[in-house]
Amino acid sequence: MSSGGSKDSKTDSTASSQQVVVGDVTKPGGLTPIKSAQDKRSYRVVELPTNKLQVVLIHDPETDKAAAAMDVNVGHFSDPDMTPGLAHFLEHMLFLGTTKYPDENSYSAYLNSHGGHSNAYTSMENTNYYFDVTHPHLEGALDRFAQFFTSPLFTPSATDREMNAVHNENAKNLQCMYFIYFFWSCVPS
């Protein structure tokens, strides 16, 4: 998460008693962010006590937005043989309503109205969700974002629509892959 402003990350009360602080870097379990000498941002790594989730906090007083990302260690390689595309489908579904914010457009409307945007991608081993928003609206955006992972709705109408969307995306990608394969196989060496 990146945030501007003047809050000193070393005084954040969310720090766990099991963390070791070295300068502006907190190391649960020995995890240390690597940064160049030219990088003026400050970093903290914290582990949430309730679920052991590791979080990297990045403070950059020069940025005009705050941002967050969640990387889930599940991607295409985790799809069951009988359900290819499941990880990508779930990536789509998490954006479309939660118990606390049931309107399918609630998250994007909140971000859009506060100068932000979001996106996600599914790779072979990971799925990554991310957003940015103006600083004063980070807490509201984080609340909506967190609901994706605790109480998504998976409504029947969104399920049908997103199954088709993922299928169409896959068909388009396969066409492109076939074209690339054909093109490169025809290029003289």
N, C-alpha and C. Protein backbone atom coordinates (compact mmCIF):
# COMPACT_ATOMS: atom_id res chain seq x y z
N MET A 1 0.84 -1.15 0.00
CA MET A 1 0.00 0.00 0.00
C MET A 1 0.89 1.21 0.00
N SER A 2 0.56 2.20 -0.77
CA SER A 2 1.34 3.42 -0.83
C SER A 2 0.47 4.56 -0.36
N SER A 3 1.04 5.41 0.44
CA SER A 3 0.26 6.53 0.94
C SER A 3 1.16 7.73 1.13
N GLY A 4 0.67 8.87 0.74
CA GLY A 4 1.40 10.10 1.00
C GLY A 4 1.00 10.66 2.34
N GLY A 5 1.34 11.91 2.57
CA GLY A 5 1.00 12.52 3.84
C GLY A 5 2.19 12.46 4.77
N SER A 6 1.99 12.88 6.04
CA SER A 6 3.12 12.99 6.95
C SER A 6 3.09 11.98 8.08
N LYS A 7 2.24 10.99 8.04
CA LYS A 7 2.16 10.01 9.11
C LYS A 7 3.47 9.22 9.19
N ASP A 8 4.04 9.14 10.38
CA ASP A 8 5.28 8.40 10.59
C ASP A 8 4.93 6.93 10.74
N SER A 9 5.39 6.10 9.81
CA SER A 9 5.03 4.69 9.81
C SER A 9 5.60 3.95 11.00
N LYS A 10 6.62 4.47 11.68
CA LYS A 10 7.22 3.78 12.82
C LYS A 10 6.33 3.85 14.05
N THR A 11 5.37 4.77 14.08
CA THR A 11 4.53 4.92 15.26
C THR A 11 3.16 4.31 15.09
N ASP A 12 2.92 3.58 14.03
CA ASP A 12 1.63 2.95 13.76
C ASP A 12 1.31 1.94 14.85
N SER A 13 0.12 2.03 15.43
CA SER A 13 -0.25 1.18 16.56
C SER A 13 -0.65 -0.23 16.15
N THR A 14 -0.65 -0.55 14.84
CA THR A 14 -1.02 -1.89 14.39
C THR A 14 0.13 -2.87 14.46
N ALA A 15 1.30 -2.41 14.87
CA ALA A 15 2.47 -3.29 14.89
C ALA A 15 2.29 -4.40 15.91
N SER A 16 2.69 -5.59 15.54
CA SER A 16 2.62 -6.76 16.41
C SER A 16 3.84 -6.81 17.31
N SER A 17 3.70 -7.38 18.49
CA SER A 17 4.81 -7.46 19.43
C SER A 17 5.88 -8.43 18.96
N GLN A 18 5.62 -9.25 17.94
CA GLN A 18 6.58 -10.22 17.44
C GLN A 18 7.46 -9.64 16.34
N GLN A 19 7.33 -8.37 16.03
CA GLN A 19 8.08 -7.78 14.93
C GLN A 19 9.39 -7.20 15.42
N VAL A 20 10.39 -7.24 14.56
CA VAL A 20 11.69 -6.66 14.84
C VAL A 20 11.83 -5.44 13.95
N VAL A 21 12.12 -4.29 14.53
CA VAL A 21 12.23 -3.05 13.76
C VAL A 21 13.70 -2.76 13.51
N VAL A 22 14.05 -2.53 12.25
CA VAL A 22 15.40 -2.14 11.87
C VAL A 22 15.25 -0.87 11.04
N GLY A 23 15.56 0.28 11.61
CA GLY A 23 15.36 1.55 10.91
C GLY A 23 13.88 1.73 10.60
N ASP A 24 13.56 1.94 9.32
CA ASP A 24 12.16 2.10 8.94
C ASP A 24 11.59 0.81 8.34
N VAL A 25 12.28 -0.33 8.54
CA VAL A 25 11.81 -1.59 7.99
C VAL A 25 11.48 -2.54 9.13
N THR A 26 10.26 -3.09 9.12
CA THR A 26 9.84 -4.05 10.13
C THR A 26 9.92 -5.43 9.50
N LYS A 27 10.46 -6.39 10.24
CA LYS A 27 10.74 -7.70 9.66
C LYS A 27 10.06 -8.83 10.43
N PRO A 28 8.79 -9.19 10.16
CA PRO A 28 8.26 -10.40 10.77
C PRO A 28 8.85 -11.60 10.06
N GLY A 29 9.32 -12.54 10.78
CA GLY A 29 9.84 -13.76 10.17
C GLY A 29 11.04 -13.54 9.26
N GLY A 30 11.77 -12.43 9.42
CA GLY A 30 12.97 -12.21 8.64
C GLY A 30 12.73 -11.63 7.26
N LEU A 31 11.51 -11.27 6.88
CA LEU A 31 11.24 -10.70 5.57
C LEU A 31 11.72 -9.26 5.54
N THR A 32 12.60 -8.94 4.59
CA THR A 32 13.16 -7.60 4.49
C THR A 32 12.96 -7.06 3.09
N PRO A 33 12.27 -5.92 2.94
CA PRO A 33 12.16 -5.32 1.61
C PRO A 33 13.54 -4.86 1.13
N ILE A 34 13.80 -4.99 -0.16
CA ILE A 34 15.06 -4.53 -0.75
C ILE A 34 14.76 -3.24 -1.50
N LYS A 35 15.56 -2.22 -1.24
CA LYS A 35 15.35 -0.96 -1.94
C LYS A 35 16.68 -0.35 -2.33
N SER A 36 16.66 0.44 -3.40
CA SER A 36 17.88 1.08 -3.87
C SER A 36 18.19 2.30 -3.02
N ALA A 37 19.43 2.77 -3.12
CA ALA A 37 19.84 3.96 -2.37
C ALA A 37 19.07 5.20 -2.83
N GLN A 38 18.59 5.20 -4.08
CA GLN A 38 17.84 6.35 -4.60
C GLN A 38 16.37 6.34 -4.18
N ASP A 39 15.90 5.25 -3.63
CA ASP A 39 14.50 5.13 -3.22
C ASP A 39 14.30 5.84 -1.90
N LYS A 40 13.55 6.93 -1.90
CA LYS A 40 13.33 7.75 -0.70
C LYS A 40 12.08 7.35 0.08
N ARG A 41 11.38 6.32 -0.39
CA ARG A 41 10.19 5.86 0.32
C ARG A 41 10.59 5.06 1.55
N SER A 42 9.68 5.01 2.53
CA SER A 42 9.93 4.16 3.70
C SER A 42 9.02 2.94 3.60
N TYR A 43 9.52 1.81 4.09
CA TYR A 43 8.82 0.53 3.98
C TYR A 43 8.66 -0.10 5.35
N ARG A 44 7.54 -0.76 5.53
CA ARG A 44 7.32 -1.59 6.71
C ARG A 44 6.67 -2.88 6.27
N VAL A 45 7.08 -3.96 6.85
CA VAL A 45 6.44 -5.25 6.63
C VAL A 45 5.81 -5.64 7.95
N VAL A 46 4.50 -5.88 7.94
CA VAL A 46 3.81 -6.29 9.16
C VAL A 46 3.07 -7.58 8.89
N GLU A 47 2.85 -8.33 9.94
CA GLU A 47 2.06 -9.55 9.84
C GLU A 47 0.81 -9.35 10.69
N LEU A 48 -0.35 -9.51 10.07
CA LEU A 48 -1.60 -9.33 10.80
C LEU A 48 -1.77 -10.48 11.79
N PRO A 49 -2.06 -10.18 13.04
CA PRO A 49 -2.12 -11.24 14.05
C PRO A 49 -3.26 -12.23 13.86
N THR A 50 -4.38 -11.82 13.30
CA THR A 50 -5.54 -12.71 13.20
C THR A 50 -5.42 -13.76 12.11
N ASN A 51 -4.76 -13.41 10.98
CA ASN A 51 -4.70 -14.38 9.87
C ASN A 51 -3.29 -14.60 9.32
N LYS A 52 -2.29 -14.00 9.95
CA LYS A 52 -0.88 -14.15 9.57
C LYS A 52 -0.58 -13.61 8.16
N LEU A 53 -1.46 -12.79 7.63
CA LEU A 53 -1.25 -12.17 6.33
C LEU A 53 -0.09 -11.19 6.44
N GLN A 54 0.85 -11.28 5.53
CA GLN A 54 1.97 -10.34 5.51
C GLN A 54 1.61 -9.16 4.63
N VAL A 55 1.86 -7.95 5.14
CA VAL A 55 1.50 -6.71 4.46
C VAL A 55 2.74 -5.85 4.34
N VAL A 56 2.96 -5.31 3.16
CA VAL A 56 4.05 -4.36 2.96
C VAL A 56 3.42 -2.98 2.88
N LEU A 57 3.82 -2.09 3.79
CA LEU A 57 3.35 -0.71 3.80
C LEU A 57 4.46 0.16 3.20
N ILE A 58 4.08 1.02 2.28
CA ILE A 58 5.05 1.89 1.62
C ILE A 58 4.56 3.32 1.80
N HIS A 59 5.42 4.16 2.34
CA HIS A 59 5.07 5.56 2.55
C HIS A 59 5.87 6.41 1.57
N ASP A 60 5.15 7.19 0.77
CA ASP A 60 5.79 8.07 -0.21
C ASP A 60 5.13 9.44 -0.12
N PRO A 61 5.78 10.40 0.53
CA PRO A 61 5.17 11.72 0.71
C PRO A 61 5.01 12.51 -0.59
N GLU A 62 5.61 12.03 -1.68
CA GLU A 62 5.55 12.74 -2.97
C GLU A 62 4.35 12.34 -3.82
N THR A 63 3.68 11.25 -3.51
CA THR A 63 2.60 10.76 -4.37
C THR A 63 1.29 11.49 -4.10
N ASP A 64 0.45 11.57 -5.13
CA ASP A 64 -0.84 12.25 -4.98
C ASP A 64 -1.98 11.27 -4.71
N LYS A 65 -1.67 9.96 -4.64
CA LYS A 65 -2.71 8.96 -4.39
C LYS A 65 -2.23 7.93 -3.38
N ALA A 66 -3.20 7.22 -2.84
CA ALA A 66 -2.92 6.07 -1.99
C ALA A 66 -3.32 4.84 -2.80
N ALA A 67 -2.68 3.72 -2.54
CA ALA A 67 -2.96 2.52 -3.32
C ALA A 67 -2.82 1.28 -2.45
N ALA A 68 -3.42 0.21 -2.90
CA ALA A 68 -3.28 -1.09 -2.22
C ALA A 68 -3.37 -2.18 -3.26
N ALA A 69 -2.77 -3.31 -2.93
CA ALA A 69 -2.84 -4.49 -3.80
C ALA A 69 -2.91 -5.72 -2.91
N MET A 70 -3.56 -6.75 -3.41
CA MET A 70 -3.62 -8.03 -2.72
C MET A 70 -3.22 -9.08 -3.74
N ASP A 71 -2.21 -9.86 -3.39
CA ASP A 71 -1.78 -10.94 -4.26
C ASP A 71 -2.16 -12.26 -3.61
N VAL A 72 -2.96 -13.04 -4.31
CA VAL A 72 -3.44 -14.33 -3.81
C VAL A 72 -2.63 -15.41 -4.52
N ASN A 73 -2.12 -16.34 -3.76
CA ASN A 73 -1.23 -17.38 -4.29
C ASN A 73 -2.02 -18.49 -4.99
N VAL A 74 -2.90 -18.10 -5.89
CA VAL A 74 -3.71 -19.03 -6.69
C VAL A 74 -3.85 -18.45 -8.08
N GLY A 75 -3.51 -19.26 -9.09
CA GLY A 75 -3.61 -18.81 -10.47
C GLY A 75 -4.08 -19.95 -11.35
N HIS A 76 -3.79 -19.84 -12.65
CA HIS A 76 -4.25 -20.85 -13.62
C HIS A 76 -3.79 -22.26 -13.25
N PHE A 77 -2.58 -22.39 -12.72
CA PHE A 77 -2.07 -23.73 -12.39
C PHE A 77 -2.87 -24.39 -11.28
N SER A 78 -3.65 -23.61 -10.53
CA SER A 78 -4.47 -24.17 -9.45
C SER A 78 -5.85 -24.60 -9.92
N ASP A 79 -6.19 -24.28 -11.16
CA ASP A 79 -7.51 -24.67 -11.67
C ASP A 79 -7.66 -26.19 -11.67
N PRO A 80 -8.81 -26.69 -11.19
CA PRO A 80 -9.05 -28.14 -11.30
C PRO A 80 -9.14 -28.55 -12.77
N ASP A 81 -8.76 -29.77 -13.08
CA ASP A 81 -8.79 -30.25 -14.47
C ASP A 81 -10.18 -30.10 -15.08
N MET A 82 -11.21 -30.32 -14.29
CA MET A 82 -12.58 -30.26 -14.79
C MET A 82 -13.15 -28.83 -14.85
N THR A 83 -12.38 -27.86 -14.32
CA THR A 83 -12.88 -26.49 -14.28
C THR A 83 -11.79 -25.51 -14.70
N PRO A 84 -11.29 -25.61 -15.93
CA PRO A 84 -10.27 -24.65 -16.36
C PRO A 84 -10.85 -23.24 -16.40
N GLY A 85 -10.04 -22.28 -15.99
CA GLY A 85 -10.49 -20.89 -15.98
C GLY A 85 -11.11 -20.46 -14.66
N LEU A 86 -11.14 -21.33 -13.67
CA LEU A 86 -11.79 -21.01 -12.39
C LEU A 86 -11.13 -19.82 -11.70
N ALA A 87 -9.80 -19.78 -11.64
CA ALA A 87 -9.12 -18.67 -10.97
C ALA A 87 -9.46 -17.34 -11.65
N HIS A 88 -9.47 -17.33 -12.98
CA HIS A 88 -9.79 -16.11 -13.72
C HIS A 88 -11.26 -15.70 -13.49
N PHE A 89 -12.13 -16.68 -13.48
CA PHE A 89 -13.55 -16.42 -13.20
C PHE A 89 -13.72 -15.79 -11.82
N LEU A 90 -13.04 -16.34 -10.82
CA LEU A 90 -13.14 -15.79 -9.46
C LEU A 90 -12.57 -14.38 -9.39
N GLU A 91 -11.51 -14.13 -10.16
CA GLU A 91 -10.97 -12.77 -10.23
C GLU A 91 -12.06 -11.80 -10.65
N HIS A 92 -12.81 -12.15 -11.67
CA HIS A 92 -13.90 -11.30 -12.15
C HIS A 92 -15.00 -11.15 -11.10
N MET A 93 -15.37 -12.25 -10.48
CA MET A 93 -16.53 -12.25 -9.58
C MET A 93 -16.33 -11.40 -8.32
N LEU A 94 -15.09 -11.32 -7.82
CA LEU A 94 -14.88 -10.59 -6.57
C LEU A 94 -15.20 -9.11 -6.68
N PHE A 95 -15.18 -8.56 -7.88
CA PHE A 95 -15.49 -7.14 -8.08
C PHE A 95 -16.99 -6.85 -8.04
N LEU A 96 -17.84 -7.88 -8.04
CA LEU A 96 -19.25 -7.69 -8.34
C LEU A 96 -20.18 -7.87 -7.14
N GLY A 97 -19.92 -7.13 -6.10
CA GLY A 97 -20.83 -7.10 -4.96
C GLY A 97 -20.38 -7.98 -3.81
N THR A 98 -20.61 -7.45 -2.62
CA THR A 98 -20.29 -8.17 -1.38
C THR A 98 -21.49 -8.04 -0.44
N THR A 99 -21.45 -8.77 0.64
CA THR A 99 -22.55 -8.69 1.60
C THR A 99 -22.73 -7.25 2.10
N LYS A 100 -21.64 -6.58 2.44
CA LYS A 100 -21.72 -5.22 2.96
C LYS A 100 -22.04 -4.19 1.87
N TYR A 101 -21.56 -4.43 0.65
CA TYR A 101 -21.77 -3.52 -0.48
C TYR A 101 -22.35 -4.32 -1.64
N PRO A 102 -23.65 -4.64 -1.61
CA PRO A 102 -24.23 -5.58 -2.58
C PRO A 102 -24.36 -5.04 -4.01
N ASP A 103 -24.38 -3.74 -4.19
CA ASP A 103 -24.49 -3.20 -5.55
C ASP A 103 -23.25 -3.57 -6.35
N GLU A 104 -23.42 -4.19 -7.50
CA GLU A 104 -22.29 -4.63 -8.34
C GLU A 104 -21.35 -3.49 -8.71
N ASN A 105 -21.84 -2.28 -8.75
CA ASN A 105 -21.02 -1.14 -9.16
C ASN A 105 -20.51 -0.31 -8.00
N SER A 106 -20.78 -0.72 -6.78
CA SER A 106 -20.42 0.07 -5.60
C SER A 106 -18.93 0.38 -5.53
N TYR A 107 -18.10 -0.63 -5.71
CA TYR A 107 -16.64 -0.46 -5.59
C TYR A 107 -16.11 0.49 -6.67
N SER A 108 -16.44 0.21 -7.92
CA SER A 108 -15.92 1.06 -9.00
C SER A 108 -16.49 2.47 -8.91
N ALA A 109 -17.74 2.60 -8.50
CA ALA A 109 -18.33 3.94 -8.36
C ALA A 109 -17.61 4.73 -7.26
N TYR A 110 -17.31 4.08 -6.15
CA TYR A 110 -16.59 4.75 -5.06
C TYR A 110 -15.23 5.23 -5.54
N LEU A 111 -14.48 4.33 -6.18
CA LEU A 111 -13.15 4.72 -6.66
C LEU A 111 -13.23 5.83 -7.70
N ASN A 112 -14.12 5.68 -8.68
CA ASN A 112 -14.25 6.69 -9.73
C ASN A 112 -14.62 8.06 -9.18
N SER A 113 -15.48 8.08 -8.17
CA SER A 113 -15.90 9.37 -7.62
C SER A 113 -14.83 10.00 -6.73
N HIS A 114 -13.77 9.25 -6.44
CA HIS A 114 -12.69 9.78 -5.60
C HIS A 114 -11.33 9.68 -6.30
N GLY A 115 -11.35 9.84 -7.63
CA GLY A 115 -10.12 9.92 -8.41
C GLY A 115 -9.32 8.64 -8.51
N GLY A 116 -9.96 7.49 -8.36
CA GLY A 116 -9.22 6.24 -8.37
C GLY A 116 -9.67 5.28 -9.45
N HIS A 117 -9.02 4.15 -9.49
CA HIS A 117 -9.40 3.07 -10.41
C HIS A 117 -8.89 1.75 -9.83
N SER A 118 -9.30 0.67 -10.44
CA SER A 118 -8.84 -0.65 -9.98
C SER A 118 -8.71 -1.59 -11.17
N ASN A 119 -8.03 -2.69 -10.92
CA ASN A 119 -7.93 -3.73 -11.92
C ASN A 119 -7.42 -4.99 -11.23
N ALA A 120 -7.27 -6.05 -12.01
CA ALA A 120 -6.76 -7.31 -11.49
C ALA A 120 -6.24 -8.13 -12.66
N TYR A 121 -5.44 -9.13 -12.33
CA TYR A 121 -5.00 -10.07 -13.35
C TYR A 121 -4.76 -11.42 -12.72
N THR A 122 -4.90 -12.45 -13.52
CA THR A 122 -4.63 -13.82 -13.08
C THR A 122 -3.46 -14.33 -13.91
N SER A 123 -2.42 -14.77 -13.23
CA SER A 123 -1.27 -15.36 -13.91
C SER A 123 -1.25 -16.86 -13.62
N MET A 124 -0.17 -17.51 -13.93
CA MET A 124 -0.11 -18.95 -13.75
C MET A 124 -0.20 -19.37 -12.28
N GLU A 125 0.44 -18.60 -11.39
CA GLU A 125 0.48 -19.00 -9.99
C GLU A 125 -0.14 -18.00 -9.04
N ASN A 126 -0.55 -16.83 -9.52
CA ASN A 126 -1.06 -15.78 -8.64
C ASN A 126 -2.23 -15.05 -9.29
N THR A 127 -3.04 -14.45 -8.43
CA THR A 127 -4.05 -13.51 -8.87
C THR A 127 -3.82 -12.24 -8.08
N ASN A 128 -3.75 -11.10 -8.76
CA ASN A 128 -3.43 -9.84 -8.11
C ASN A 128 -4.56 -8.85 -8.34
N TYR A 129 -4.99 -8.23 -7.26
CA TYR A 129 -6.04 -7.21 -7.27
C TYR A 129 -5.39 -5.91 -6.78
N TYR A 130 -5.72 -4.79 -7.41
CA TYR A 130 -5.11 -3.54 -6.96
C TYR A 130 -6.02 -2.35 -7.26
N PHE A 131 -5.76 -1.25 -6.54
CA PHE A 131 -6.50 -0.02 -6.77
C PHE A 131 -5.67 1.16 -6.31
N ASP A 132 -6.08 2.35 -6.77
CA ASP A 132 -5.57 3.59 -6.20
C ASP A 132 -6.75 4.54 -6.02
N VAL A 133 -6.56 5.52 -5.14
CA VAL A 133 -7.63 6.46 -4.79
C VAL A 133 -6.97 7.67 -4.13
N THR A 134 -7.65 8.81 -4.11
CA THR A 134 -7.08 9.97 -3.42
C THR A 134 -6.97 9.68 -1.93
N HIS A 135 -5.97 10.27 -1.29
CA HIS A 135 -5.63 9.97 0.11
C HIS A 135 -6.80 9.98 1.09
N PRO A 136 -7.65 10.99 1.07
CA PRO A 136 -8.71 11.03 2.09
C PRO A 136 -9.71 9.86 2.01
N HIS A 137 -9.71 9.15 0.90
CA HIS A 137 -10.71 8.10 0.68
C HIS A 137 -10.13 6.68 0.74
N LEU A 138 -8.90 6.58 1.24
CA LEU A 138 -8.26 5.26 1.32
C LEU A 138 -9.02 4.32 2.26
N GLU A 139 -9.44 4.81 3.40
CA GLU A 139 -10.12 3.93 4.36
C GLU A 139 -11.40 3.33 3.78
N GLY A 140 -12.20 4.15 3.11
CA GLY A 140 -13.42 3.64 2.48
C GLY A 140 -13.13 2.64 1.36
N ALA A 141 -12.07 2.92 0.60
CA ALA A 141 -11.69 2.00 -0.48
C ALA A 141 -11.18 0.68 0.09
N LEU A 142 -10.38 0.75 1.15
CA LEU A 142 -9.87 -0.47 1.78
C LEU A 142 -11.00 -1.31 2.36
N ASP A 143 -11.99 -0.65 2.93
CA ASP A 143 -13.13 -1.39 3.48
C ASP A 143 -13.85 -2.16 2.38
N ARG A 144 -14.11 -1.50 1.27
CA ARG A 144 -14.77 -2.17 0.14
C ARG A 144 -13.89 -3.28 -0.43
N PHE A 145 -12.60 -3.01 -0.56
CA PHE A 145 -11.64 -3.97 -1.10
C PHE A 145 -11.56 -5.22 -0.22
N ALA A 146 -11.48 -5.03 1.07
CA ALA A 146 -11.37 -6.16 2.01
C ALA A 146 -12.58 -7.08 1.93
N GLN A 147 -13.74 -6.52 1.64
CA GLN A 147 -14.96 -7.33 1.56
C GLN A 147 -14.90 -8.35 0.43
N PHE A 148 -14.11 -8.07 -0.62
CA PHE A 148 -13.94 -9.04 -1.71
C PHE A 148 -13.53 -10.39 -1.16
N PHE A 149 -12.64 -10.35 -0.18
CA PHE A 149 -11.98 -11.57 0.29
C PHE A 149 -12.66 -12.19 1.49
N THR A 150 -13.66 -11.51 2.04
CA THR A 150 -14.36 -12.06 3.21
C THR A 150 -15.82 -12.38 2.94
N SER A 151 -16.47 -11.65 2.02
CA SER A 151 -17.90 -11.89 1.83
C SER A 151 -18.39 -11.54 0.42
N PRO A 152 -17.80 -12.14 -0.62
CA PRO A 152 -18.30 -11.88 -1.98
C PRO A 152 -19.69 -12.49 -2.16
N LEU A 153 -20.49 -11.91 -3.05
CA LEU A 153 -21.88 -12.39 -3.22
C LEU A 153 -22.04 -13.54 -4.21
N PHE A 154 -21.41 -13.50 -5.35
CA PHE A 154 -21.59 -14.52 -6.39
C PHE A 154 -23.06 -14.68 -6.77
N THR A 155 -23.68 -13.59 -7.19
CA THR A 155 -25.08 -13.64 -7.59
C THR A 155 -25.24 -14.45 -8.87
N PRO A 156 -26.41 -15.07 -9.07
CA PRO A 156 -26.62 -15.87 -10.29
C PRO A 156 -26.46 -15.06 -11.57
N SER A 157 -26.95 -13.82 -11.59
CA SER A 157 -26.84 -13.03 -12.83
C SER A 157 -25.39 -12.69 -13.14
N ALA A 158 -24.62 -12.32 -12.11
CA ALA A 158 -23.21 -12.00 -12.33
C ALA A 158 -22.43 -13.26 -12.71
N THR A 159 -22.78 -14.39 -12.12
CA THR A 159 -22.10 -15.64 -12.41
C THR A 159 -22.25 -16.00 -13.89
N ASP A 160 -23.47 -15.97 -14.41
CA ASP A 160 -23.69 -16.28 -15.82
C ASP A 160 -22.95 -15.31 -16.74
N ARG A 161 -23.06 -14.02 -16.42
CA ARG A 161 -22.44 -12.99 -17.25
C ARG A 161 -20.91 -13.15 -17.26
N GLU A 162 -20.31 -13.39 -16.10
CA GLU A 162 -18.85 -13.48 -16.02
C GLU A 162 -18.32 -14.79 -16.57
N MET A 163 -19.10 -15.86 -16.50
CA MET A 163 -18.68 -17.10 -17.15
C MET A 163 -18.52 -16.85 -18.65
N ASN A 164 -19.46 -16.12 -19.23
CA ASN A 164 -19.38 -15.79 -20.65
C ASN A 164 -18.21 -14.85 -20.93
N ALA A 165 -17.99 -13.87 -20.06
CA ALA A 165 -16.90 -12.92 -20.26
C ALA A 165 -15.54 -13.62 -20.23
N VAL A 166 -15.36 -14.52 -19.27
CA VAL A 166 -14.09 -15.25 -19.17
C VAL A 166 -13.91 -16.17 -20.38
N HIS A 167 -15.00 -16.82 -20.79
CA HIS A 167 -14.93 -17.70 -21.97
C HIS A 167 -14.53 -16.89 -23.21
N ASN A 168 -15.14 -15.72 -23.40
CA ASN A 168 -14.83 -14.89 -24.56
C ASN A 168 -13.39 -14.37 -24.51
N GLU A 169 -12.93 -13.99 -23.32
CA GLU A 169 -11.54 -13.54 -23.17
C GLU A 169 -10.58 -14.66 -23.54
N ASN A 170 -10.87 -15.86 -23.07
CA ASN A 170 -10.02 -17.01 -23.36
C ASN A 170 -10.00 -17.31 -24.86
N ALA A 171 -11.16 -17.27 -25.49
CA ALA A 171 -11.23 -17.53 -26.94
C ALA A 171 -10.41 -16.49 -27.70
N LYS A 172 -10.51 -15.23 -27.30
CA LYS A 172 -9.73 -14.16 -27.94
C LYS A 172 -8.24 -14.41 -27.73
N ASN A 173 -7.83 -14.78 -26.52
CA ASN A 173 -6.42 -15.04 -26.25
C ASN A 173 -5.90 -16.23 -27.04
N LEU A 174 -6.73 -17.27 -27.18
CA LEU A 174 -6.31 -18.44 -27.96
C LEU A 174 -6.11 -18.06 -29.41
N GLN A 175 -7.00 -17.24 -29.96
CA GLN A 175 -6.85 -16.77 -31.34
C GLN A 175 -5.53 -16.04 -31.51
N CYS A 176 -5.22 -15.18 -30.56
CA CYS A 176 -3.98 -14.41 -30.62
C CYS A 176 -2.78 -15.36 -30.53
N MET A 177 -2.83 -16.33 -29.64
CA MET A 177 -1.73 -17.28 -29.51
C MET A 177 -1.53 -18.07 -30.79
N TYR A 178 -2.62 -18.50 -31.44
CA TYR A 178 -2.51 -19.22 -32.70
C TYR A 178 -1.88 -18.33 -33.77
N PHE A 179 -2.29 -17.06 -33.82
CA PHE A 179 -1.73 -16.14 -34.79
C PHE A 179 -0.23 -15.98 -34.57
N ILE A 180 0.18 -15.77 -33.31
CA ILE A 180 1.60 -15.60 -32.99
C ILE A 180 2.38 -16.85 -33.39
N TYR A 181 1.84 -18.01 -33.05
CA TYR A 181 2.51 -19.27 -33.39
C TYR A 181 2.66 -19.39 -34.91
N PHE A 182 1.57 -19.12 -35.63
CA PHE A 182 1.60 -19.23 -37.10
C PHE A 182 2.58 -18.22 -37.69
N PHE A 183 2.49 -16.98 -37.20
CA PHE A 183 3.36 -15.92 -37.72
C PHE A 183 4.83 -16.28 -37.51
N TRP A 184 5.20 -16.67 -36.30
CA TRP A 184 6.61 -16.96 -36.02
C TRP A 184 7.08 -18.24 -36.73
N SER A 185 6.19 -19.15 -36.94
CA SER A 185 6.62 -20.37 -37.65
C SER A 185 6.82 -20.10 -39.15
N CYS A 186 6.26 -18.99 -39.65
CA CYS A 186 6.39 -18.65 -41.06
C CYS A 186 7.54 -17.68 -41.32
N VAL A 187 8.12 -17.13 -40.26
CA VAL A 187 9.21 -16.15 -40.44
C VAL A 187 10.48 -16.93 -40.81
N PRO A 188 11.12 -16.55 -41.94
CA PRO A 188 12.36 -17.26 -42.32
C PRO A 188 13.46 -17.01 -41.30
N SER A 189 14.26 -18.03 -41.06
CA SER A 189 15.33 -17.87 -40.07
C SER A 189 16.62 -17.40 -40.69
